[in-house]
Amino acid sequence: MCKKWYYVLAILLVACSWIGNVWYYEANQLGSTVFLAHHVETSDREGRVFDLYYIEDKRADKTLSSIRIEGYPEQIVTPYPKYAEYQRQYLGKMMVNLNNPARGQGVTEELLKEPVLVREVTAFYSDGSSEQVDVGEIYIWPGAYNEGRPVEWTSVGSSSDHSGYNSAVIKRPLQLTAFSSKFLDIAEEEGALQIYADIPGQVPGISYRPLPSESQMEQSGMPIQEIQLPAKMNQGDSFRISHQFNMPSREKSMQVYQLMLRTTFTEEGQGTWQEDTIIPYHPSPTDKEMTAYVRERRKGL
């Protein structure tokens, strides 16, 4: 009789272990493709690209094949389904080039148009199905080609700590009159983003220091909110915009940001010029952070 109970107990232990394994497996699976929340500004002109990030289970029954944004028939979408690999998931991305032809010279009337706001895209899957999915906010500005631009961008750098810079030289006398972005308010949210501008005359001497190496990236100049505008800029002056993301929570660190910081200049007799600086943040979670994200998503289902 005792031996029978041993057998029963052994069977129960195996069953409990199996149930536990199944529960643990399911608790760490998304069950479907999940797009991250995006806060993206871009331009529809040829050559401008942006990335849409998503997460899929490694053993997913169906996987994302492509996406489409309505209204851009010439768009080019390049998939990277295994952009980053984790224990149970893949972080994938779709690189999107809207591929609209550039519109002539970027005069003020053209540049000041409001952008198109996209909140959903059409997702196509490996089983032939498709659906509309929420991707956050994508602002698409009308692209223009500026001939005879008075600002020449000379170098760009970025680092794995989510910092970066863009440097330029002023070719003709200008006045810098404004900084703008649809997502500039995130710079004020718990210090998630700091943006600095290095302008001659406002921070003497700093503008002429050597550019930092990738391993020594630093922010210099002044926070753009503190820059005294309009700021006079002379021919030959250097100009640098630098940034640093410091995401205050796991929730924010798993979102995608791409600001298109627009700097507005006025030139005597030539009107208004606008230059765009891309300021990106792309998530790079650890395995532990990915697991926590998946479990939080499942709790919200």
C-alpha atoms as a PDB file:
ATOM      1  CA  MET A   1       0.000   0.000   0.000  1.00  0.00           C
ATOM      2  CA  CYS A   2       2.849   2.352   0.866  1.00  0.00           C
ATOM      3  CA  LYS A   3       4.465   1.712  -2.515  1.00  0.00           C
ATOM      4  CA  LYS A   4       1.229   2.706  -4.271  1.00  0.00           C
ATOM      5  CA  TRP A   5       1.201   5.989  -2.392  1.00  0.00           C
ATOM      6  CA  TYR A   6       4.800   6.588  -3.416  1.00  0.00           C
ATOM      7  CA  TYR A   7       3.804   6.104  -7.050  1.00  0.00           C
ATOM      8  CA  VAL A   8       0.815   8.421  -6.675  1.00  0.00           C
ATOM      9  CA  LEU A   9       2.978  11.052  -4.960  1.00  0.00           C
ATOM     10  CA  ALA A  10       5.620  10.778  -7.675  1.00  0.00           C
ATOM     11  CA  ILE A  11       2.969  11.213 -10.388  1.00  0.00           C
ATOM     12  CA  LEU A  12       1.544  14.244  -8.566  1.00  0.00           C
ATOM     13  CA  LEU A  13       4.993  15.806  -8.268  1.00  0.00           C
ATOM     14  CA  VAL A  14       5.670  15.288 -11.973  1.00  0.00           C
ATOM     15  CA  ALA A  15       2.251  16.751 -12.840  1.00  0.00           C
ATOM     16  CA  CYS A  16       2.803  19.757 -10.583  1.00  0.00           C
ATOM     17  CA  SER A  17       6.234  20.313 -12.094  1.00  0.00           C
ATOM     18  CA  TRP A  18       4.780  20.100 -15.605  1.00  0.00           C
ATOM     19  CA  ILE A  19       1.969  22.523 -14.742  1.00  0.00           C
ATOM     20  CA  GLY A  20       4.489  24.865 -13.146  1.00  0.00           C
ATOM     21  CA  ASN A  21       6.700  24.786 -16.235  1.00  0.00           C
ATOM     22  CA  VAL A  22       3.714  25.470 -18.497  1.00  0.00           C
ATOM     23  CA  TRP A  23       2.604  28.361 -16.277  1.00  0.00           C
ATOM     24  CA  TYR A  24       6.119  29.844 -16.211  1.00  0.00           C
ATOM     25  CA  TYR A  25       6.424  29.501 -19.987  1.00  0.00           C
ATOM     26  CA  GLU A  26       3.068  31.188 -20.596  1.00  0.00           C
ATOM     27  CA  ALA A  27       3.842  33.947 -18.082  1.00  0.00           C
ATOM     28  CA  ASN A  28       6.885  34.895 -20.155  1.00  0.00           C
ATOM     29  CA  GLN A  29       5.211  34.889 -23.581  1.00  0.00           C
ATOM     30  CA  LEU A  30       3.557  37.880 -25.228  1.00  0.00           C
ATOM     31  CA  GLY A  31       1.249  35.738 -27.339  1.00  0.00           C
ATOM     32  CA  SER A  32       1.231  38.225 -30.243  1.00  0.00           C
ATOM     33  CA  THR A  33       3.345  40.904 -31.894  1.00  0.00           C
ATOM     34  CA  VAL A  34       3.625  44.053 -29.759  1.00  0.00           C
ATOM     35  CA  PHE A  35       4.739  47.426 -31.108  1.00  0.00           C
ATOM     36  CA  LEU A  36       6.527  49.743 -28.711  1.00  0.00           C
ATOM     37  CA  ALA A  37       5.134  53.232 -28.097  1.00  0.00           C
ATOM     38  CA  HIS A  38       6.745  55.640 -30.564  1.00  0.00           C
ATOM     39  CA  HIS A  39       7.223  59.408 -30.331  1.00  0.00           C
ATOM     40  CA  VAL A  40       8.733  60.136 -33.727  1.00  0.00           C
ATOM     41  CA  GLU A  41       9.232  63.182 -35.914  1.00  0.00           C
ATOM     42  CA  THR A  42      10.447  62.684 -39.455  1.00  0.00           C
ATOM     43  CA  SER A  43      10.292  64.113 -42.953  1.00  0.00           C
ATOM     44  CA  ASP A  44       8.760  62.510 -46.008  1.00  0.00           C
ATOM     45  CA  ARG A  45      11.600  63.527 -48.304  1.00  0.00           C
ATOM     46  CA  GLU A  46      13.797  60.969 -50.047  1.00  0.00           C
ATOM     47  CA  GLY A  47      16.611  59.620 -47.916  1.00  0.00           C
ATOM     48  CA  ARG A  48      14.996  60.282 -44.528  1.00  0.00           C
ATOM     49  CA  VAL A  49      14.335  57.103 -42.558  1.00  0.00           C
ATOM     50  CA  PHE A  50      12.902  56.154 -39.183  1.00  0.00           C
ATOM     51  CA  ASP A  51      12.484  52.859 -37.338  1.00  0.00           C
ATOM     52  CA  LEU A  52       9.383  51.197 -35.898  1.00  0.00           C
ATOM     53  CA  TYR A  53      10.264  48.737 -33.128  1.00  0.00           C
ATOM     54  CA  TYR A  54       8.284  45.670 -32.066  1.00  0.00           C
ATOM     55  CA  ILE A  55       8.665  42.539 -29.924  1.00  0.00           C
ATOM     56  CA  GLU A  56       7.751  38.962 -30.816  1.00  0.00           C
ATOM     57  CA  ASP A  57       8.005  35.618 -29.050  1.00  0.00           C
ATOM     58  CA  LYS A  58      10.652  33.301 -30.475  1.00  0.00           C
ATOM     59  CA  ARG A  59       8.021  30.574 -30.835  1.00  0.00           C
ATOM     60  CA  ALA A  60       5.335  32.847 -32.257  1.00  0.00           C
ATOM     61  CA  ASP A  61       2.731  31.129 -34.469  1.00  0.00           C
ATOM     62  CA  LYS A  62       2.826  34.079 -36.857  1.00  0.00           C
ATOM     63  CA  THR A  63       5.382  36.826 -37.297  1.00  0.00           C
ATOM     64  CA  LEU A  64       5.377  40.347 -38.680  1.00  0.00           C
ATOM     65  CA  SER A  65       6.308  40.486 -42.382  1.00  0.00           C
ATOM     66  CA  SER A  66       5.945  44.179 -43.194  1.00  0.00           C
ATOM     67  CA  ILE A  67       4.028  47.371 -42.453  1.00  0.00           C
ATOM     68  CA  ARG A  68       2.424  50.100 -44.538  1.00  0.00           C
ATOM     69  CA  ILE A  69       1.672  53.742 -43.787  1.00  0.00           C
ATOM     70  CA  GLU A  70      -1.308  54.960 -45.793  1.00  0.00           C
ATOM     71  CA  GLY A  71      -0.818  57.882 -48.165  1.00  0.00           C
ATOM     72  CA  TYR A  72       2.791  57.152 -49.170  1.00  0.00           C
ATOM     73  CA  PRO A  73       2.681  54.864 -52.231  1.00  0.00           C
ATOM     74  CA  GLU A  74       6.449  54.981 -52.850  1.00  0.00           C
ATOM     75  CA  GLN A  75       7.470  54.032 -49.307  1.00  0.00           C
ATOM     76  CA  ILE A  76      10.275  51.526 -48.841  1.00  0.00           C
ATOM     77  CA  VAL A  77      10.113  49.255 -45.766  1.00  0.00           C
ATOM     78  CA  THR A  78      13.122  47.154 -44.790  1.00  0.00           C
ATOM     79  CA  PRO A  79      12.491  44.504 -42.060  1.00  0.00           C
ATOM     80  CA  TYR A  80      14.986  43.526 -39.375  1.00  0.00           C
ATOM     81  CA  PRO A  81      12.989  40.818 -37.517  1.00  0.00           C
ATOM     82  CA  LYS A  82      15.877  39.730 -35.277  1.00  0.00           C
ATOM     83  CA  TYR A  83      17.436  43.110 -34.605  1.00  0.00           C
ATOM     84  CA  ALA A  84      18.205  41.991 -31.026  1.00  0.00           C
ATOM     85  CA  GLU A  85      17.818  38.527 -29.494  1.00  0.00           C
ATOM     86  CA  TYR A  86      16.662  37.741 -25.961  1.00  0.00           C
ATOM     87  CA  GLN A  87      16.033  34.536 -24.056  1.00  0.00           C
ATOM     88  CA  ARG A  88      12.399  34.185 -25.160  1.00  0.00           C
ATOM     89  CA  GLN A  89      11.783  37.128 -27.506  1.00  0.00           C
ATOM     90  CA  TYR A  90      13.191  39.047 -30.443  1.00  0.00           C
ATOM     91  CA  LEU A  91      13.279  42.818 -30.672  1.00  0.00           C
ATOM     92  CA  GLY A  92      12.616  43.626 -34.322  1.00  0.00           C
ATOM     93  CA  LYS A  93      12.349  46.816 -36.302  1.00  0.00           C
ATOM     94  CA  MET A  94      10.970  48.064 -39.601  1.00  0.00           C
ATOM     95  CA  MET A  95      13.117  50.736 -41.238  1.00  0.00           C
ATOM     96  CA  VAL A  96      10.834  53.093 -43.147  1.00  0.00           C
ATOM     97  CA  ASN A  97      11.712  55.468 -45.983  1.00  0.00           C
ATOM     98  CA  LEU A  98       8.570  57.329 -47.110  1.00  0.00           C
ATOM     99  CA  ASN A  99      10.426  58.219 -50.318  1.00  0.00           C
ATOM    100  CA  ASN A 100       8.460  61.293 -51.384  1.00  0.00           C
ATOM    101  CA  PRO A 101      10.274  63.482 -53.919  1.00  0.00           C
ATOM    102  CA  ALA A 102      11.789  66.627 -52.427  1.00  0.00           C
ATOM    103  CA  ARG A 103       9.874  69.837 -53.042  1.00  0.00           C
ATOM    104  CA  GLY A 104      11.937  72.796 -54.394  1.00  0.00           C
ATOM    105  CA  GLN A 105      13.534  75.407 -52.215  1.00  0.00           C
ATOM    106  CA  GLY A 106      12.330  75.386 -48.619  1.00  0.00           C
ATOM    107  CA  VAL A 107      10.689  78.771 -48.389  1.00  0.00           C
ATOM    108  CA  THR A 108       8.902  79.800 -45.213  1.00  0.00           C
ATOM    109  CA  GLU A 109       5.368  79.010 -46.450  1.00  0.00           C
ATOM    110  CA  GLU A 110       6.353  75.431 -47.242  1.00  0.00           C
ATOM    111  CA  LEU A 111       8.289  74.786 -44.066  1.00  0.00           C
ATOM    112  CA  LEU A 112       5.657  76.117 -41.697  1.00  0.00           C
ATOM    113  CA  LYS A 113       2.966  73.665 -42.813  1.00  0.00           C
ATOM    114  CA  GLU A 114       1.669  71.392 -40.076  1.00  0.00           C
ATOM    115  CA  PRO A 115       2.913  67.791 -40.250  1.00  0.00           C
ATOM    116  CA  VAL A 116       0.787  64.708 -40.887  1.00  0.00           C
ATOM    117  CA  LEU A 117       0.080  62.789 -37.662  1.00  0.00           C
ATOM    118  CA  VAL A 118       0.086  58.981 -37.941  1.00  0.00           C
ATOM    119  CA  ARG A 119      -1.080  56.873 -35.002  1.00  0.00           C
ATOM    120  CA  GLU A 120      -1.765  53.551 -36.735  1.00  0.00           C
ATOM    121  CA  VAL A 121      -0.080  51.499 -39.443  1.00  0.00           C
ATOM    122  CA  THR A 122      -1.181  48.391 -41.319  1.00  0.00           C
ATOM    123  CA  ALA A 123       0.713  45.319 -40.130  1.00  0.00           C
ATOM    124  CA  PHE A 124       1.117  42.286 -42.440  1.00  0.00           C
ATOM    125  CA  TYR A 125       1.847  38.849 -40.970  1.00  0.00           C
ATOM    126  CA  SER A 126       3.447  35.609 -42.149  1.00  0.00           C
ATOM    127  CA  ASP A 127       0.086  33.785 -42.270  1.00  0.00           C
ATOM    128  CA  GLY A 128      -1.340  36.268 -44.782  1.00  0.00           C
ATOM    129  CA  SER A 129      -3.419  38.233 -42.266  1.00  0.00           C
ATOM    130  CA  SER A 130      -3.237  41.973 -41.617  1.00  0.00           C
ATOM    131  CA  GLU A 131      -4.531  44.472 -39.057  1.00  0.00           C
ATOM    132  CA  GLN A 132      -4.360  48.095 -37.989  1.00  0.00           C
ATOM    133  CA  VAL A 133      -1.998  48.541 -35.035  1.00  0.00           C
ATOM    134  CA  ASP A 134      -1.325  51.473 -32.713  1.00  0.00           C
ATOM    135  CA  VAL A 135       2.303  52.618 -32.846  1.00  0.00           C
ATOM    136  CA  GLY A 136       2.100  55.857 -30.829  1.00  0.00           C
ATOM    137  CA  GLU A 137       2.637  59.206 -32.564  1.00  0.00           C
ATOM    138  CA  ILE A 138       4.542  59.769 -35.809  1.00  0.00           C
ATOM    139  CA  TYR A 139       4.669  63.359 -37.079  1.00  0.00           C
ATOM    140  CA  ILE A 140       5.641  63.558 -40.744  1.00  0.00           C
ATOM    141  CA  TRP A 141       6.820  66.980 -41.908  1.00  0.00           C
ATOM    142  CA  PRO A 142       6.733  67.928 -45.593  1.00  0.00           C
ATOM    143  CA  GLY A 143      10.272  67.677 -46.886  1.00  0.00           C
ATOM    144  CA  ALA A 144      11.950  70.432 -48.861  1.00  0.00           C
ATOM    145  CA  TYR A 145      15.337  70.748 -50.478  1.00  0.00           C
ATOM    146  CA  ASN A 146      17.134  73.934 -49.442  1.00  0.00           C
ATOM    147  CA  GLU A 147      19.403  75.292 -52.142  1.00  0.00           C
ATOM    148  CA  GLY A 148      22.161  77.636 -51.095  1.00  0.00           C
ATOM    149  CA  ARG A 149      21.768  76.839 -47.405  1.00  0.00           C
ATOM    150  CA  PRO A 150      23.656  79.197 -45.080  1.00  0.00           C
ATOM    151  CA  VAL A 151      24.323  76.415 -42.524  1.00  0.00           C
ATOM    152  CA  GLU A 152      26.651  73.506 -43.283  1.00  0.00           C
ATOM    153  CA  TRP A 153      26.523  70.491 -40.977  1.00  0.00           C
ATOM    154  CA  THR A 154      30.056  69.150 -40.593  1.00  0.00           C
ATOM    155  CA  SER A 155      29.960  66.234 -38.146  1.00  0.00           C
ATOM    156  CA  VAL A 156      27.683  64.038 -36.088  1.00  0.00           C
ATOM    157  CA  GLY A 157      28.411  61.652 -33.223  1.00  0.00           C
ATOM    158  CA  SER A 158      26.570  59.361 -30.830  1.00  0.00           C
ATOM    159  CA  SER A 159      27.354  57.065 -27.936  1.00  0.00           C
ATOM    160  CA  SER A 160      25.890  53.931 -26.357  1.00  0.00           C
ATOM    161  CA  ASP A 161      24.793  55.996 -23.335  1.00  0.00           C
ATOM    162  CA  HIS A 162      22.130  57.675 -25.528  1.00  0.00           C
ATOM    163  CA  SER A 163      24.043  60.922 -25.991  1.00  0.00           C
ATOM    164  CA  GLY A 164      25.097  62.629 -29.196  1.00  0.00           C
ATOM    165  CA  TYR A 165      25.953  65.836 -31.006  1.00  0.00           C
ATOM    166  CA  ASN A 166      25.620  67.586 -34.372  1.00  0.00           C
ATOM    167  CA  SER A 167      28.081  70.301 -35.390  1.00  0.00           C
ATOM    168  CA  ALA A 168      27.772  72.961 -38.083  1.00  0.00           C
ATOM    169  CA  VAL A 169      29.531  75.992 -39.560  1.00  0.00           C
ATOM    170  CA  ILE A 170      27.706  79.227 -40.379  1.00  0.00           C
ATOM    171  CA  LYS A 171      28.364  80.229 -43.990  1.00  0.00           C
ATOM    172  CA  ARG A 172      26.636  83.650 -43.981  1.00  0.00           C
ATOM    173  CA  PRO A 173      25.555  86.071 -41.222  1.00  0.00           C
ATOM    174  CA  LEU A 174      22.318  84.889 -39.565  1.00  0.00           C
ATOM    175  CA  GLN A 175      20.120  85.247 -36.543  1.00  0.00           C
ATOM    176  CA  LEU A 176      18.965  82.137 -34.702  1.00  0.00           C
ATOM    177  CA  THR A 177      15.359  82.850 -33.708  1.00  0.00           C
ATOM    178  CA  ALA A 178      13.762  79.612 -32.443  1.00  0.00           C
ATOM    179  CA  PHE A 179      14.081  75.967 -31.392  1.00  0.00           C
ATOM    180  CA  SER A 180      11.015  73.767 -31.867  1.00  0.00           C
ATOM    181  CA  SER A 181       9.854  70.147 -31.809  1.00  0.00           C
ATOM    182  CA  LYS A 182       6.519  68.397 -31.297  1.00  0.00           C
ATOM    183  CA  PHE A 183       8.110  66.414 -28.445  1.00  0.00           C
ATOM    184  CA  LEU A 184      10.190  69.116 -26.824  1.00  0.00           C
ATOM    185  CA  ASP A 185       8.094  68.858 -23.675  1.00  0.00           C
ATOM    186  CA  ILE A 186       9.709  65.503 -22.803  1.00  0.00           C
ATOM    187  CA  ALA A 187      12.848  67.496 -21.975  1.00  0.00           C
ATOM    188  CA  GLU A 188      10.929  68.795 -18.976  1.00  0.00           C
ATOM    189  CA  GLU A 189       9.507  65.440 -17.849  1.00  0.00           C
ATOM    190  CA  GLU A 190      11.642  64.219 -14.946  1.00  0.00           C
ATOM    191  CA  GLY A 191      14.818  65.235 -16.784  1.00  0.00           C
ATOM    192  CA  ALA A 192      14.364  62.525 -19.433  1.00  0.00           C
ATOM    193  CA  LEU A 193      16.172  64.590 -22.058  1.00  0.00           C
ATOM    194  CA  GLN A 194      18.641  67.462 -21.954  1.00  0.00           C
ATOM    195  CA  ILE A 195      19.422  69.445 -25.110  1.00  0.00           C
ATOM    196  CA  TYR A 196      22.254  71.979 -25.225  1.00  0.00           C
ATOM    197  CA  ALA A 197      23.235  74.536 -27.834  1.00  0.00           C
ATOM    198  CA  ASP A 198      26.794  75.782 -28.168  1.00  0.00           C
ATOM    199  CA  ILE A 199      26.651  79.281 -29.700  1.00  0.00           C
ATOM    200  CA  PRO A 200      29.507  81.817 -29.960  1.00  0.00           C
ATOM    201  CA  GLY A 201      29.036  84.835 -27.730  1.00  0.00           C
ATOM    202  CA  GLN A 202      26.714  83.113 -25.244  1.00  0.00           C
ATOM    203  CA  VAL A 203      29.266  80.675 -23.828  1.00  0.00           C
ATOM    204  CA  PRO A 204      32.622  82.252 -24.754  1.00  0.00           C
ATOM    205  CA  GLY A 205      35.369  79.863 -25.782  1.00  0.00           C
ATOM    206  CA  ILE A 206      33.377  76.656 -25.548  1.00  0.00           C
ATOM    207  CA  SER A 207      32.366  76.611 -29.196  1.00  0.00           C
ATOM    208  CA  TYR A 208      35.969  76.279 -30.300  1.00  0.00           C
ATOM    209  CA  ARG A 209      36.970  73.303 -28.170  1.00  0.00           C
ATOM    210  CA  PRO A 210      37.827  70.081 -30.044  1.00  0.00           C
ATOM    211  CA  LEU A 211      34.853  67.840 -30.706  1.00  0.00           C
ATOM    212  CA  PRO A 212      34.566  65.004 -28.155  1.00  0.00           C
ATOM    213  CA  SER A 213      35.400  61.438 -29.074  1.00  0.00           C
ATOM    214  CA  GLU A 214      32.673  58.788 -28.858  1.00  0.00           C
ATOM    215  CA  SER A 215      34.066  57.547 -25.544  1.00  0.00           C
ATOM    216  CA  GLN A 216      34.192  61.091 -24.146  1.00  0.00           C
ATOM    217  CA  MET A 217      30.846  62.441 -25.303  1.00  0.00           C
ATOM    218  CA  GLU A 218      29.826  65.501 -23.331  1.00  0.00           C
ATOM    219  CA  GLN A 219      27.230  68.211 -23.343  1.00  0.00           C
ATOM    220  CA  SER A 220      28.489  71.759 -23.669  1.00  0.00           C
ATOM    221  CA  GLY A 221      26.966  75.178 -24.103  1.00  0.00           C
ATOM    222  CA  MET A 222      23.626  76.026 -22.503  1.00  0.00           C
ATOM    223  CA  PRO A 223      20.241  74.302 -22.230  1.00  0.00           C
ATOM    224  CA  ILE A 224      18.226  75.494 -25.205  1.00  0.00           C
ATOM    225  CA  GLN A 225      15.537  76.853 -22.863  1.00  0.00           C
ATOM    226  CA  GLU A 226      18.132  79.321 -21.528  1.00  0.00           C
ATOM    227  CA  ILE A 227      19.498  80.563 -24.856  1.00  0.00           C
ATOM    228  CA  GLN A 228      18.870  84.271 -25.352  1.00  0.00           C
ATOM    229  CA  LEU A 229      17.050  84.604 -28.679  1.00  0.00           C
ATOM    230  CA  PRO A 230      17.469  85.998 -31.243  1.00  0.00           C
ATOM    231  CA  ALA A 231      21.164  85.064 -31.282  1.00  0.00           C
ATOM    232  CA  LYS A 232      23.430  86.714 -33.830  1.00  0.00           C
ATOM    233  CA  MET A 233      25.727  84.326 -35.704  1.00  0.00           C
ATOM    234  CA  ASN A 234      28.559  85.465 -37.973  1.00  0.00           C
ATOM    235  CA  GLN A 235      30.120  83.870 -41.029  1.00  0.00           C
ATOM    236  CA  GLY A 236      32.603  81.211 -39.920  1.00  0.00           C
ATOM    237  CA  ASP A 237      31.042  80.678 -36.478  1.00  0.00           C
ATOM    238  CA  SER A 238      30.735  77.104 -35.275  1.00  0.00           C
ATOM    239  CA  PHE A 239      27.448  75.827 -33.891  1.00  0.00           C
ATOM    240  CA  ARG A 240      26.764  72.611 -32.015  1.00  0.00           C
ATOM    241  CA  ILE A 241      23.681  70.896 -30.623  1.00  0.00           C
ATOM    242  CA  SER A 242      24.222  68.083 -28.128  1.00  0.00           C
ATOM    243  CA  HIS A 243      21.821  65.895 -26.178  1.00  0.00           C
ATOM    244  CA  GLN A 244      21.594  63.271 -23.445  1.00  0.00           C
ATOM    245  CA  PHE A 245      18.691  60.927 -22.652  1.00  0.00           C
ATOM    246  CA  ASN A 246      18.287  59.770 -19.027  1.00  0.00           C
ATOM    247  CA  MET A 247      15.102  57.730 -18.887  1.00  0.00           C
ATOM    248  CA  PRO A 248      13.674  57.875 -15.339  1.00  0.00           C
ATOM    249  CA  SER A 249      11.718  54.592 -15.444  1.00  0.00           C
ATOM    250  CA  ARG A 250      11.556  51.227 -17.208  1.00  0.00           C
ATOM    251  CA  GLU A 251       8.277  52.293 -18.812  1.00  0.00           C
ATOM    252  CA  LYS A 252       9.909  55.286 -20.510  1.00  0.00           C
ATOM    253  CA  SER A 253      13.082  53.359 -21.356  1.00  0.00           C
ATOM    254  CA  MET A 254      10.979  50.908 -23.422  1.00  0.00           C
ATOM    255  CA  GLN A 255       9.568  53.678 -25.614  1.00  0.00           C
ATOM    256  CA  VAL A 256      11.031  55.021 -28.858  1.00  0.00           C
ATOM    257  CA  TYR A 257      11.865  58.688 -29.342  1.00  0.00           C
ATOM    258  CA  GLN A 258      13.040  60.561 -32.395  1.00  0.00           C
ATOM    259  CA  LEU A 259      12.872  64.324 -32.117  1.00  0.00           C
ATOM    260  CA  MET A 260      13.488  66.435 -35.172  1.00  0.00           C
ATOM    261  CA  LEU A 261      14.743  69.568 -33.460  1.00  0.00           C
ATOM    262  CA  ARG A 262      14.018  72.438 -35.818  1.00  0.00           C
ATOM    263  CA  THR A 263      16.295  75.487 -35.622  1.00  0.00           C
ATOM    264  CA  THR A 264      14.911  78.589 -37.318  1.00  0.00           C
ATOM    265  CA  PHE A 265      17.244  81.215 -38.765  1.00  0.00           C
ATOM    266  CA  THR A 266      16.589  84.562 -40.432  1.00  0.00           C
ATOM    267  CA  GLU A 267      18.911  86.023 -43.024  1.00  0.00           C
ATOM    268  CA  GLU A 268      18.698  89.645 -44.091  1.00  0.00           C
ATOM    269  CA  GLY A 269      17.176  89.887 -47.526  1.00  0.00           C
ATOM    270  CA  GLN A 270      16.710  86.108 -47.818  1.00  0.00           C
ATOM    271  CA  GLY A 271      13.880  85.370 -45.383  1.00  0.00           C
ATOM    272  CA  THR A 272      13.678  82.351 -43.095  1.00  0.00           C
ATOM    273  CA  TRP A 273      15.679  79.121 -43.106  1.00  0.00           C
ATOM    274  CA  GLN A 274      15.033  76.032 -41.026  1.00  0.00           C
ATOM    275  CA  GLU A 275      17.463  73.241 -40.224  1.00  0.00           C
ATOM    276  CA  ASP A 276      16.538  69.894 -38.647  1.00  0.00           C
ATOM    277  CA  THR A 277      18.627  67.916 -36.172  1.00  0.00           C
ATOM    278  CA  ILE A 278      17.609  64.312 -35.466  1.00  0.00           C
ATOM    279  CA  ILE A 279      17.730  63.388 -31.759  1.00  0.00           C
ATOM    280  CA  PRO A 280      17.014  59.647 -31.383  1.00  0.00           C
ATOM    281  CA  TYR A 281      16.447  57.248 -28.507  1.00  0.00           C
ATOM    282  CA  HIS A 282      16.091  53.536 -29.275  1.00  0.00           C
ATOM    283  CA  PRO A 283      15.545  51.016 -26.435  1.00  0.00           C
ATOM    284  CA  SER A 284      18.282  48.507 -25.681  1.00  0.00           C
ATOM    285  CA  PRO A 285      16.894  46.477 -22.751  1.00  0.00           C
ATOM    286  CA  THR A 286      18.735  43.735 -20.908  1.00  0.00           C
ATOM    287  CA  ASP A 287      17.262  40.218 -20.721  1.00  0.00           C
ATOM    288  CA  LYS A 288      15.982  40.996 -17.232  1.00  0.00           C
ATOM    289  CA  GLU A 289      14.319  44.212 -18.419  1.00  0.00           C
ATOM    290  CA  MET A 290      12.744  42.421 -21.377  1.00  0.00           C
ATOM    291  CA  THR A 291      11.302  39.738 -19.095  1.00  0.00           C
ATOM    292  CA  ALA A 292       9.873  42.397 -16.771  1.00  0.00           C
ATOM    293  CA  TYR A 293       8.345  44.236 -19.741  1.00  0.00           C
ATOM    294  CA  VAL A 294       6.679  41.055 -21.048  1.00  0.00           C
ATOM    295  CA  ARG A 295       5.202  40.218 -17.630  1.00  0.00           C
ATOM    296  CA  GLU A 296       3.865  43.757 -17.218  1.00  0.00           C
ATOM    297  CA  ARG A 297       2.273  43.560 -20.667  1.00  0.00           C
ATOM    298  CA  ARG A 298       0.594  40.262 -19.765  1.00  0.00           C
ATOM    299  CA  LYS A 299      -0.818  41.754 -16.559  1.00  0.00           C
ATOM    300  CA  GLY A 300      -2.435  44.489 -18.624  1.00  0.00           C
ATOM    301  CA  LEU A 301      -4.203  42.024 -20.941  1.00  0.00           C
END
